[in-house]
């Protein structure tokens, strides 16, 4: 039975591979190397050839010929460099006059060559101007052109090799089936680690992993779906509070770690191995490989975080302050929760109110000074003290059981609050982004959400949803997804415009395609970059 399921899965995946490769072949095999015209004009001018695989023509996908001298029969070749050319448009120049087109040749690398003679040109091309006409003579097609006249051909001039068009998808689908039918999917790194993941202390909490995965969905929805603009900030606040919560956990459960040099060495080694390899890989690809050396150096030193990278310097700043917080909690308050929690709460309020760019700034996002969002991180640390310092130390099963419905209800309400209350645009009443305006409240709400999820218990619906395999799978590679999803987003948008003629892809299709491509890419970066360094920590 298990073997049958694996074969069915492999067959389904092979069908998807066949469809994907066939679509790609339908596009790239129609590529044209050049358009060649044997032409004579009664005036000096130049042609402009537009090409597209589908959709509208654009200046971006067009090529000019050289200047054509009048009253001379000339061969004009316009190189398209194997660009997708299902549709062609030939602009006949800027000046009115007579154009005698003796022969038109379109040649492709994989689609052979198509030669059009005068009668073909008259039959297949249609003039797109009121004052333009096409008449077929014995030796040429005579075109009387006005200002801005052009010819269009809206079906493919080239026919790809059928052996390549059908053979390549079949070959790749057979290879995919052969590979997947012989591969133990659960043994692959991004899947096996879902079941073997272990924190530095204690047991792994699946629901919190799923919460991180949900936060990642919020970020991608923000960047791809205009309806949810501002939701990404909610996802980031959840990331930050989870970071504070989990980083404080070992020191709350084992206070002696705060005085151990070895513990702090392990702490920083694990954090650096978590962040640096993948982050530096991204910086090298985006900045160094494009010779943007100053930008690369600023990012490598965490002095700047352009765009979505603004979060990384914030995290590094938090890591530097964590030892100080833990040492103060131990030395001044003897790690007594009833002293530590009020002190951290006061520090959080002061940080949210006064710790702005006039005190210290982190440069990033859209080239602006950003305040350290230290208060959001502190909210997570406070939640860790409340849960591990008080809740878990009190062995009261009856109380815990009574709190489960409350935890489930509060966590559900807060998730709805994050999803529906992050910005005004969703309700059509304005453009304010509440998650940025009231970051301190959203950070506090994220900390309460963590506590509510933990209190809800394993049997609650919200816990089962957050503990689901898809959300935990996203969580495992969330850092890779976060770093690289803008590149995947840009790749999809440009690919859709270039090959599909879809110039403004957005909404649900862009969200789903970005999520899937980012996840697949993240599985590779996690397996090849993140995991090897994490396992060496």
Protein backbone atom coordinates (compact mmCIF):
# COMPACT_ATOMS: atom_id res chain seq x y z
CA UNK A 1 0.00 0.00 0.00
CA UNK A 2 2.79 2.42 0.92
CA UNK A 3 4.57 1.63 -2.35
CA UNK A 4 1.38 2.28 -4.28
CA UNK A 5 0.90 5.66 -2.59
CA UNK A 6 4.49 6.60 -3.38
CA UNK A 7 4.01 5.67 -7.04
CA UNK A 8 0.77 7.65 -7.23
CA UNK A 9 2.51 10.66 -5.71
CA UNK A 10 5.42 10.27 -8.15
CA UNK A 11 2.98 9.99 -11.08
CA UNK A 12 1.10 13.12 -10.01
CA UNK A 13 4.36 15.03 -9.63
CA UNK A 14 5.52 13.76 -13.03
CA UNK A 15 2.31 15.09 -14.63
CA UNK A 16 2.95 18.48 -13.07
CA UNK A 17 6.52 18.41 -14.37
CA UNK A 18 5.25 17.50 -17.85
CA UNK A 19 2.78 20.40 -17.83
CA UNK A 20 5.37 22.88 -16.53
CA UNK A 21 8.05 21.88 -19.05
CA UNK A 22 5.50 21.86 -21.88
CA UNK A 23 4.46 25.43 -21.04
CA UNK A 24 8.11 26.48 -20.94
CA UNK A 25 8.79 24.79 -24.28
CA UNK A 26 5.72 26.44 -25.80
CA UNK A 27 7.37 29.74 -24.98
CA UNK A 28 11.11 29.35 -25.46
CA UNK A 29 10.92 27.18 -28.59
CA UNK A 30 9.14 30.03 -30.39
CA UNK A 31 12.16 32.26 -29.89
CA UNK A 32 13.31 34.19 -32.97
CA UNK A 33 16.96 34.90 -33.70
CA UNK A 34 16.34 37.56 -36.31
CA UNK A 35 13.88 39.16 -38.68
CA UNK A 36 15.28 39.85 -42.14
CA UNK A 37 13.57 42.08 -44.69
CA UNK A 38 14.45 42.72 -48.32
CA UNK A 39 12.98 46.16 -48.74
CA UNK A 40 13.02 49.37 -50.75
CA UNK A 41 11.78 52.76 -49.49
CA UNK A 42 11.16 56.02 -51.30
CA UNK A 43 12.36 57.96 -48.25
CA UNK A 44 15.05 57.52 -45.55
CA UNK A 45 13.68 55.85 -42.44
CA UNK A 46 14.16 52.97 -40.03
CA UNK A 47 11.96 50.10 -38.90
CA UNK A 48 11.14 48.98 -35.38
CA UNK A 49 10.21 45.37 -34.64
CA UNK A 50 8.10 44.55 -31.56
CA UNK A 51 7.84 41.00 -30.29
CA UNK A 52 5.87 39.23 -27.58
CA UNK A 53 4.82 35.74 -26.63
CA UNK A 54 1.35 36.97 -25.68
CA UNK A 55 -0.37 40.11 -24.57
CA UNK A 56 0.35 43.66 -25.65
CA UNK A 57 3.45 44.96 -27.40
CA UNK A 58 5.76 47.24 -25.43
CA UNK A 59 8.77 49.44 -26.11
CA UNK A 60 10.78 47.32 -23.70
CA UNK A 61 10.50 44.36 -26.07
CA UNK A 62 11.38 46.03 -29.35
CA UNK A 63 14.45 46.51 -31.55
CA UNK A 64 15.29 49.22 -34.10
CA UNK A 65 16.91 48.62 -37.44
CA UNK A 66 19.65 50.82 -38.78
CA UNK A 67 18.81 53.74 -41.05
CA UNK A 68 17.52 52.58 -44.42
CA UNK A 69 18.62 54.62 -47.44
CA UNK A 70 15.95 55.59 -49.99
CA UNK A 71 15.51 54.15 -53.48
CA UNK A 72 17.80 51.19 -52.89
CA UNK A 73 16.91 47.52 -52.60
CA UNK A 74 18.45 46.53 -49.27
CA UNK A 75 18.60 43.60 -46.91
CA UNK A 76 17.78 44.71 -43.36
CA UNK A 77 18.45 42.26 -40.54
CA UNK A 78 17.09 42.94 -37.04
CA UNK A 79 18.52 40.64 -34.38
CA UNK A 80 16.08 39.45 -31.70
CA UNK A 81 18.52 37.11 -29.90
CA UNK A 82 16.06 34.23 -29.59
CA UNK A 83 13.40 36.38 -27.93
CA UNK A 84 9.88 34.89 -27.68
CA UNK A 85 8.11 35.97 -30.85
CA UNK A 86 4.67 34.43 -31.10
CA UNK A 87 3.42 37.83 -32.23
CA UNK A 88 5.25 40.40 -34.34
CA UNK A 89 4.64 44.02 -35.07
CA UNK A 90 6.70 45.87 -37.67
CA UNK A 91 6.63 49.65 -37.45
CA UNK A 92 7.31 51.13 -40.87
CA UNK A 93 9.05 54.26 -39.66
CA UNK A 94 8.09 57.77 -38.67
CA UNK A 95 7.54 59.25 -42.13
CA UNK A 96 4.76 58.57 -44.64
CA UNK A 97 5.69 57.08 -47.98
CA UNK A 98 5.94 53.89 -50.00
CA UNK A 99 7.53 50.71 -48.69
CA UNK A 100 8.18 47.81 -51.07
CA UNK A 101 8.71 44.63 -49.12
CA UNK A 102 10.13 41.88 -51.35
CA UNK A 103 10.71 39.20 -48.76
CA UNK A 104 10.42 38.71 -45.00
CA UNK A 105 12.29 35.97 -43.15
CA UNK A 106 11.93 35.02 -39.51
CA UNK A 107 14.45 32.50 -38.17
CA UNK A 108 14.64 30.77 -34.81
CA UNK A 109 17.17 28.53 -33.13
CA UNK A 110 14.77 25.64 -32.42
CA UNK A 111 11.86 26.55 -34.68
CA UNK A 112 13.53 26.66 -38.06
CA UNK A 113 12.92 29.41 -40.58
CA UNK A 114 9.81 30.96 -42.08
CA UNK A 115 9.99 32.84 -45.39
CA UNK A 116 7.13 35.09 -46.47
CA UNK A 117 6.73 36.30 -50.04
CA UNK A 118 4.61 39.25 -51.21
CA UNK A 119 1.32 37.32 -51.35
CA UNK A 120 2.00 35.89 -47.87
CA UNK A 121 2.72 39.35 -46.49
CA UNK A 122 -0.55 40.73 -47.89
CA UNK A 123 -2.52 37.74 -46.59
CA UNK A 124 -1.00 37.39 -43.12
CA UNK A 125 -0.13 40.92 -42.05
CA UNK A 126 -2.74 43.56 -41.40
CA UNK A 127 -1.96 47.30 -41.49
CA UNK A 128 -2.87 49.11 -38.28
CA UNK A 129 -3.48 52.64 -39.54
CA UNK A 130 -6.37 54.20 -41.42
CA UNK A 131 -4.10 55.62 -44.11
CA UNK A 132 -2.05 52.44 -44.66
CA UNK A 133 -2.67 49.88 -47.42
CA UNK A 134 -0.98 46.66 -48.51
CA UNK A 135 -1.07 45.47 -52.13
CA UNK A 136 0.66 42.41 -53.48
CA UNK A 137 2.61 42.93 -56.70
CA UNK A 138 4.49 40.27 -58.61
CA UNK A 139 7.85 40.94 -56.94
CA UNK A 140 6.92 42.82 -53.77
CA UNK A 141 4.19 43.84 -51.39
CA UNK A 142 3.67 47.57 -51.74
CA UNK A 143 2.72 49.32 -48.54
CA UNK A 144 1.50 52.89 -48.57
CA UNK A 145 2.27 54.06 -45.05
CA UNK A 146 1.16 57.10 -43.16
CA UNK A 147 2.61 58.48 -39.97
CA UNK A 148 3.13 55.76 -37.34
CA UNK A 149 1.88 52.95 -39.57
CA UNK A 150 2.67 49.38 -38.69
CA UNK A 151 1.92 45.78 -39.59
CA UNK A 152 0.92 43.11 -37.08
CA UNK A 153 0.92 39.34 -37.19
CA UNK A 154 -0.98 37.89 -34.23
CA UNK A 155 -0.31 34.18 -34.59
CA UNK A 156 3.02 32.45 -34.47
CA UNK A 157 5.20 32.72 -37.54
CA UNK A 158 7.42 29.91 -36.28
CA UNK A 159 6.53 26.31 -35.61
CA UNK A 160 8.77 24.56 -33.08
CA UNK A 161 10.22 21.13 -33.62
CA UNK A 162 7.48 18.71 -32.41
CA UNK A 163 10.11 16.27 -31.18
CA UNK A 164 11.42 18.93 -28.80
CA UNK A 165 7.98 20.32 -27.96
CA UNK A 166 6.66 16.95 -26.78
CA UNK A 167 9.85 15.00 -26.20
CA UNK A 168 11.44 17.31 -23.62
CA UNK A 169 8.37 17.38 -21.30
CA UNK A 170 8.07 13.60 -21.61
CA UNK A 171 11.76 13.10 -20.82
CA UNK A 172 11.70 15.37 -17.77
CA UNK A 173 8.47 13.84 -16.45
CA UNK A 174 9.92 10.32 -16.76
CA UNK A 175 13.06 11.45 -14.93
CA UNK A 176 10.90 13.03 -12.21
CA UNK A 177 8.85 9.84 -11.81
CA UNK A 178 11.99 7.69 -11.68
CA UNK A 179 13.58 9.94 -9.07
CA UNK A 180 10.54 10.39 -6.83
CA UNK A 181 9.41 6.76 -6.96
CA UNK A 182 12.83 5.71 -5.65
CA UNK A 183 13.15 8.51 -3.07
CA UNK A 184 11.98 8.37 0.51
CA UNK A 185 10.34 11.78 0.77
CA UNK A 186 10.23 11.72 4.56
CA UNK A 187 13.99 11.21 4.53
CA UNK A 188 14.68 14.47 2.70
CA UNK A 189 16.18 17.14 4.95
CA UNK A 190 13.30 19.69 4.89
CA UNK A 191 10.89 16.90 5.91
CA UNK A 192 12.98 14.75 8.23
CA UNK A 193 13.88 17.78 10.33
CA UNK A 194 10.20 18.43 10.99
CA UNK A 195 10.15 15.34 13.17
CA UNK A 196 13.67 15.44 14.59
CA UNK A 197 13.86 19.15 15.43
CA UNK A 198 15.07 19.76 18.98
CA UNK A 199 15.55 23.08 20.81
CA UNK A 200 18.60 23.77 22.96
CA UNK A 201 16.55 22.85 26.04
CA UNK A 202 13.21 21.14 26.63
CA UNK A 203 10.74 19.90 24.05
CA UNK A 204 9.86 21.49 20.76
CA UNK A 205 6.47 23.24 20.68
CA UNK A 206 4.82 22.49 17.34
CA UNK A 207 2.13 25.15 17.72
CA UNK A 208 4.74 27.91 18.01
CA UNK A 209 6.50 26.55 14.94
CA UNK A 210 3.19 26.79 13.11
CA UNK A 211 2.70 30.33 14.40
CA UNK A 212 6.02 31.27 12.80
CA UNK A 213 4.85 29.66 9.56
CA UNK A 214 1.63 31.69 9.72
CA UNK A 215 3.68 34.86 10.28
CA UNK A 216 5.61 34.01 7.11
CA UNK A 217 2.33 33.75 5.20
CA UNK A 218 1.42 37.22 6.49
CA UNK A 219 4.65 38.68 5.13
CA UNK A 220 4.20 37.14 1.68
CA UNK A 221 0.53 38.21 1.57
CA UNK A 222 1.61 41.79 2.32
CA UNK A 223 4.17 41.82 -0.49
CA UNK A 224 2.01 40.15 -3.14
CA UNK A 225 -1.60 41.03 -2.38
CA UNK A 226 -2.54 44.68 -2.13
CA UNK A 227 -5.61 43.81 -0.09
CA UNK A 228 -3.36 42.81 2.83
CA UNK A 229 -0.90 45.69 2.74
CA UNK A 230 0.41 46.15 6.28
CA UNK A 231 -0.17 42.55 7.33
CA UNK A 232 3.54 41.82 6.91
CA UNK A 233 4.38 44.07 9.85
CA UNK A 234 2.14 41.90 12.03
CA UNK A 235 4.09 38.88 10.84
CA UNK A 236 7.38 40.57 11.73
CA UNK A 237 6.17 41.48 15.24
CA UNK A 238 5.21 37.83 15.76
CA UNK A 239 8.68 36.81 14.54
CA UNK A 240 10.33 39.19 17.00
CA UNK A 241 8.26 38.20 20.01
CA UNK A 242 8.83 34.51 19.24
CA UNK A 243 12.54 35.24 19.03
CA UNK A 244 12.53 36.91 22.45
CA UNK A 245 10.37 34.17 23.93
CA UNK A 246 12.56 31.30 22.72
CA UNK A 247 15.92 32.99 23.37
CA UNK A 248 14.98 33.67 26.99
CA UNK A 249 13.65 30.15 27.59
CA UNK A 250 16.98 28.39 28.44
CA UNK A 251 17.98 31.13 30.89
CA UNK A 252 14.61 31.13 32.64
CA UNK A 253 14.59 27.35 32.99
CA UNK A 254 18.27 27.06 33.92
CA UNK A 255 19.34 30.34 35.57
CA UNK A 256 22.95 29.19 36.02
CA UNK A 257 23.44 29.52 32.27
CA UNK A 258 23.56 33.31 32.69
CA UNK A 259 26.89 33.00 34.56
CA UNK A 260 28.37 30.37 32.26
CA UNK A 261 30.85 31.59 29.66
CA UNK A 262 30.41 28.32 27.77
CA UNK A 263 26.64 28.86 27.62
CA UNK A 264 27.06 32.32 26.15
CA UNK A 265 29.62 31.05 23.66
CA UNK A 266 27.13 28.39 22.60
CA UNK A 267 24.36 31.01 22.45
CA UNK A 268 26.27 33.35 20.13
CA UNK A 269 27.71 30.52 18.05
CA UNK A 270 24.22 29.15 17.43
CA UNK A 271 22.79 32.57 16.63
CA UNK A 272 25.61 33.46 14.23
CA UNK A 273 25.41 30.08 12.51
CA UNK A 274 21.69 30.63 12.15
CA UNK A 275 21.95 34.08 10.58
CA UNK A 276 25.31 34.68 8.93
CA UNK A 277 25.73 31.90 6.32
CA UNK A 278 22.38 32.41 4.63
CA UNK A 279 22.29 36.18 5.11
CA UNK A 280 25.79 36.62 3.70
CA UNK A 281 24.88 34.34 0.79
CA UNK A 282 21.99 36.65 -0.02
CA UNK A 283 24.19 39.76 0.23
CA UNK A 284 26.83 38.22 -2.05
CA UNK A 285 24.21 37.31 -4.67
CA UNK A 286 22.30 40.58 -4.60
CA UNK A 287 25.06 43.13 -3.97
CA UNK A 288 28.55 41.72 -4.56
CA UNK A 289 27.70 39.88 -7.77
CA UNK A 290 26.20 43.12 -9.11
CA UNK A 291 29.30 45.13 -8.08
CA UNK A 292 27.41 47.25 -5.53
CA UNK A 293 30.35 47.12 -3.15
CA UNK A 294 29.41 49.95 -0.78
CA UNK A 295 25.92 48.53 -0.28
CA UNK A 296 27.37 45.07 0.26
CA UNK A 297 29.81 46.24 2.93
CA UNK A 298 27.13 48.18 4.81
CA UNK A 299 24.91 45.10 4.86
CA UNK A 300 27.73 42.72 5.77
CA UNK A 301 28.48 44.91 8.81
CA UNK A 302 24.76 45.19 9.70
CA UNK A 303 24.92 48.96 9.25
CA UNK A 304 22.06 48.88 6.77
CA UNK A 305 19.07 46.71 6.02
CA UNK A 306 17.51 47.72 2.71
CA UNK A 307 13.92 46.73 2.06
CA UNK A 308 12.89 43.61 3.92
CA UNK A 309 16.44 43.17 5.30
CA UNK A 310 15.75 45.83 7.95
CA UNK A 311 14.76 43.02 10.32
CA UNK A 312 18.24 41.43 10.35
CA UNK A 313 20.14 44.32 12.05
CA UNK A 314 17.28 44.52 14.55
CA UNK A 315 17.72 40.84 15.41
CA UNK A 316 21.50 41.18 15.75
CA UNK A 317 21.00 44.13 18.08
CA UNK A 318 18.64 42.07 20.23
CA UNK A 319 21.16 39.24 20.43
CA UNK A 320 23.81 41.62 21.75
CA UNK A 321 21.50 42.85 24.51
CA UNK A 322 20.24 39.43 25.59
CA UNK A 323 23.26 38.60 27.84
CA UNK A 324 22.95 41.95 29.60
CA UNK A 325 19.26 41.38 30.30
CA UNK A 326 19.81 37.88 31.64
CA UNK A 327 22.76 38.92 33.82
CA UNK A 328 20.84 41.85 35.30
CA UNK A 329 17.85 39.59 35.95
CA UNK A 330 20.12 37.17 37.80
CA UNK A 331 22.35 39.58 39.73
CA UNK A 332 19.81 42.25 40.69
CA UNK A 333 16.61 40.27 41.02
CA UNK A 334 17.94 36.75 41.70
CA UNK A 335 15.74 35.56 38.84
CA UNK A 336 12.60 36.00 40.95
CA UNK A 337 9.72 36.31 38.48
CA UNK A 338 7.74 38.70 40.67
CA UNK A 339 10.71 41.11 40.49
CA UNK A 340 11.99 40.39 36.99
CA UNK A 341 8.65 40.68 35.18
CA UNK A 342 7.73 44.17 36.51
CA UNK A 343 11.28 45.36 35.76
CA UNK A 344 11.13 44.04 32.19
CA UNK A 345 7.63 45.45 31.76
CA UNK A 346 8.84 48.90 32.84
CA UNK A 347 11.81 48.60 30.49
CA UNK A 348 9.49 47.62 27.64
CA UNK A 349 7.23 50.63 28.23
CA UNK A 350 10.20 53.00 28.47
CA UNK A 351 11.75 51.51 25.34
CA UNK A 352 8.54 51.84 23.34
CA UNK A 353 8.14 55.43 24.47
CA UNK A 354 11.66 56.88 24.49
CA UNK A 355 14.06 54.52 22.69
CA UNK A 356 13.70 56.20 19.28
CA UNK A 357 16.06 57.37 16.53
CA UNK A 358 17.27 60.26 18.70
CA UNK A 359 18.80 57.72 21.08
CA UNK A 360 19.93 55.06 18.60
CA UNK A 361 18.96 54.25 15.06
CA UNK A 362 19.34 51.31 12.70
CA UNK A 363 19.52 52.36 9.06
CA UNK A 364 17.34 50.54 6.58
CA UNK A 365 14.04 49.81 4.92
CA UNK A 366 13.61 52.68 2.43
CA UNK A 367 16.87 54.44 3.33
CA UNK A 368 15.53 55.87 6.57
CA UNK A 369 16.57 55.81 10.19
CA UNK A 370 14.67 53.15 12.13
CA UNK A 371 14.24 52.98 15.86
CA UNK A 372 15.30 49.73 17.53
CA UNK A 373 12.08 47.82 18.15
CA UNK A 374 13.52 46.55 21.39
CA UNK A 375 10.17 46.74 23.16
CA UNK A 376 8.66 44.11 20.85
CA UNK A 377 11.54 41.76 21.60
CA UNK A 378 11.11 42.45 25.34
CA UNK A 379 7.44 41.51 25.10
CA UNK A 380 8.54 38.04 24.01
CA UNK A 381 11.02 37.79 26.90
CA UNK A 382 8.29 38.80 29.36
CA UNK A 383 6.03 36.11 27.89
CA UNK A 384 8.83 33.59 28.40
CA UNK A 385 9.12 34.57 32.08
CA UNK A 386 5.36 34.33 32.55
CA UNK A 387 5.18 30.90 30.96
CA UNK A 388 8.40 29.20 32.07
CA UNK A 389 9.00 31.24 35.20
CA UNK A 390 5.48 31.06 36.66
CA UNK A 391 3.00 28.96 34.69
CA UNK A 392 5.07 25.80 34.26
CA UNK A 393 6.49 25.94 37.79
CA UNK A 394 3.02 25.78 39.30
CA UNK A 395 1.82 22.21 39.10
CA UNK A 396 -1.93 22.86 38.96
CA UNK A 397 -3.46 20.60 36.30
CA UNK A 398 -7.01 21.70 37.19
CA UNK A 399 -6.16 25.37 36.60
CA UNK A 400 -4.37 24.56 33.35
CA UNK A 401 -7.40 22.58 32.18
CA UNK A 402 -9.77 25.43 33.02
CA UNK A 403 -7.61 27.89 31.07
CA UNK A 404 -7.63 25.85 27.85
CA UNK A 405 -10.96 27.24 26.50
CA UNK A 406 -9.83 30.76 27.39
CA UNK A 407 -6.50 30.22 25.67
CA UNK A 408 -8.19 28.88 22.55
CA UNK A 409 -10.67 31.76 22.44
CA UNK A 410 -8.09 34.49 23.06
CA UNK A 411 -5.61 33.09 20.53
CA UNK A 412 -8.34 32.82 17.88
CA UNK A 413 -9.50 36.37 18.58
CA UNK A 414 -5.95 37.73 18.43
CA UNK A 415 -5.20 35.95 15.15
CA UNK A 416 -8.34 37.51 13.68
CA UNK A 417 -7.21 40.85 15.09
CA UNK A 418 -3.85 40.53 13.31
CA UNK A 419 -5.43 39.36 10.06
CA UNK A 420 -8.23 41.92 9.93
CA UNK A 421 -6.96 44.85 11.97
CA UNK A 422 -3.49 45.49 10.59
CA UNK A 423 -4.52 48.29 8.24
CA UNK A 424 -7.43 50.40 7.04
CA UNK A 425 -7.24 49.52 3.35
CA UNK A 426 -8.84 46.12 3.93
CA UNK A 427 -12.02 47.88 5.06
CA UNK A 428 -11.94 50.55 2.35
CA UNK A 429 -11.86 53.38 4.90
CA UNK A 430 -8.31 54.71 4.45
CA UNK A 431 -4.67 53.86 3.96
CA UNK A 432 -3.27 53.91 7.50
CA UNK A 433 -1.15 50.92 8.51
CA UNK A 434 -1.96 50.35 12.16
CA UNK A 435 0.77 47.74 12.70
CA UNK A 436 3.41 50.40 12.07
CA UNK A 437 1.64 53.24 13.85
CA UNK A 438 0.95 51.21 17.01
CA UNK A 439 3.82 48.74 16.96
CA UNK A 440 4.00 48.60 20.76
CA UNK A 441 0.39 47.42 21.03
CA UNK A 442 0.82 44.86 18.28
CA UNK A 443 4.05 43.61 19.89
CA UNK A 444 2.24 43.18 23.20
CA UNK A 445 -0.65 41.45 21.42
CA UNK A 446 1.85 39.05 19.81
CA UNK A 447 3.24 38.15 23.24
CA UNK A 448 -0.28 37.54 24.58
CA UNK A 449 -0.97 35.43 21.48
CA UNK A 450 2.01 33.19 22.28
CA UNK A 451 0.79 32.69 25.85
CA UNK A 452 -2.77 32.04 24.69
CA UNK A 453 -1.63 29.42 22.17
CA UNK A 454 0.37 27.66 24.89
CA UNK A 455 -2.57 27.79 27.29
CA UNK A 456 -5.02 26.45 24.70
CA UNK A 457 -3.76 22.90 25.08
CA UNK A 458 -3.03 20.28 22.43
CA UNK A 459 -6.67 19.29 21.91
CA UNK A 460 -7.93 22.73 20.86
CA UNK A 461 -8.74 23.47 17.22
CA UNK A 462 -6.36 26.44 17.09
CA UNK A 463 -3.47 24.32 18.38
CA UNK A 464 -4.18 21.58 15.86
CA UNK A 465 -4.27 24.12 13.04
CA UNK A 466 -1.02 25.76 14.10
CA UNK A 467 0.59 22.35 14.60
CA UNK A 468 -0.36 21.24 11.09
CA UNK A 469 2.38 19.97 8.83
CA UNK A 470 2.13 22.73 6.16
CA UNK A 471 2.60 25.55 8.67
CA UNK A 472 5.45 23.76 10.43
CA UNK A 473 7.08 23.03 7.07
CA UNK A 474 6.99 26.76 6.29
CA UNK A 475 8.38 27.53 9.72
CA UNK A 476 11.37 25.24 9.29
CA UNK A 477 12.61 27.17 6.25
CA UNK A 478 11.06 30.51 7.19
CA UNK A 479 14.36 32.42 7.33
CA UNK A 480 15.25 31.25 3.82
CA UNK A 481 11.77 32.16 2.59
CA UNK A 482 11.94 35.58 4.24
CA UNK A 483 15.31 36.44 2.69
CA UNK A 484 14.70 35.17 -0.83
CA UNK A 485 10.98 35.63 -1.44
CA UNK A 486 11.40 39.15 -2.92
CA UNK A 487 13.71 37.66 -5.57
CA UNK A 488 11.16 34.95 -6.33
CA UNK A 489 8.41 37.58 -6.46
CA UNK A 490 10.35 39.67 -8.97
CA UNK A 491 11.18 36.58 -11.02
CA UNK A 492 7.50 35.63 -11.26
CA UNK A 493 6.36 39.14 -12.14
CA UNK A 494 8.95 39.60 -14.88
CA UNK A 495 8.40 36.10 -16.20
CA UNK A 496 4.64 36.63 -16.35
CA UNK A 497 5.11 39.93 -18.18
CA UNK A 498 7.78 38.68 -20.58
CA UNK A 499 6.38 35.27 -21.44
CA UNK A 500 2.72 35.60 -20.60
CA UNK A 501 1.98 39.23 -21.38
CA UNK A 502 0.65 39.71 -17.84
CA UNK A 503 2.06 43.07 -16.83
CA UNK A 504 0.38 43.55 -13.48
CA UNK A 505 0.21 40.14 -11.85
CA UNK A 506 -1.00 40.49 -8.26
CA UNK A 507 -3.44 39.16 -5.72
CA UNK A 508 -4.07 35.49 -5.09
CA UNK A 509 -2.20 34.11 -8.17
CA UNK A 510 0.94 36.06 -7.25
CA UNK A 511 0.62 35.07 -3.58
CA UNK A 512 0.35 31.35 -4.36
CA UNK A 513 3.08 31.28 -7.01
CA UNK A 514 5.49 33.30 -4.84
CA UNK A 515 4.80 31.08 -1.84
CA UNK A 516 5.36 27.84 -3.77
CA UNK A 517 8.50 28.98 -5.58
CA UNK A 518 9.95 30.53 -2.42
CA UNK A 519 9.30 27.35 -0.44
CA UNK A 520 10.94 25.11 -3.05
CA UNK A 521 13.97 27.39 -3.25
CA UNK A 522 14.11 27.64 0.55
CA UNK A 523 14.23 23.85 0.86
CA UNK A 524 17.47 23.87 -1.13
CA UNK A 525 19.04 26.77 0.76
CA UNK A 526 18.04 25.22 4.08
CA UNK A 527 19.49 21.82 3.17
CA UNK A 528 22.68 23.17 1.58
CA UNK A 529 23.44 26.26 3.69
CA UNK A 530 21.40 26.64 6.88
CA UNK A 531 21.30 23.09 8.18
CA UNK A 532 24.99 22.18 7.81
CA UNK A 533 25.98 25.21 9.89
CA UNK A 534 23.23 24.67 12.46
CA UNK A 535 24.23 21.04 12.94
CA UNK A 536 27.82 22.13 13.61
CA UNK A 537 26.74 24.47 16.43
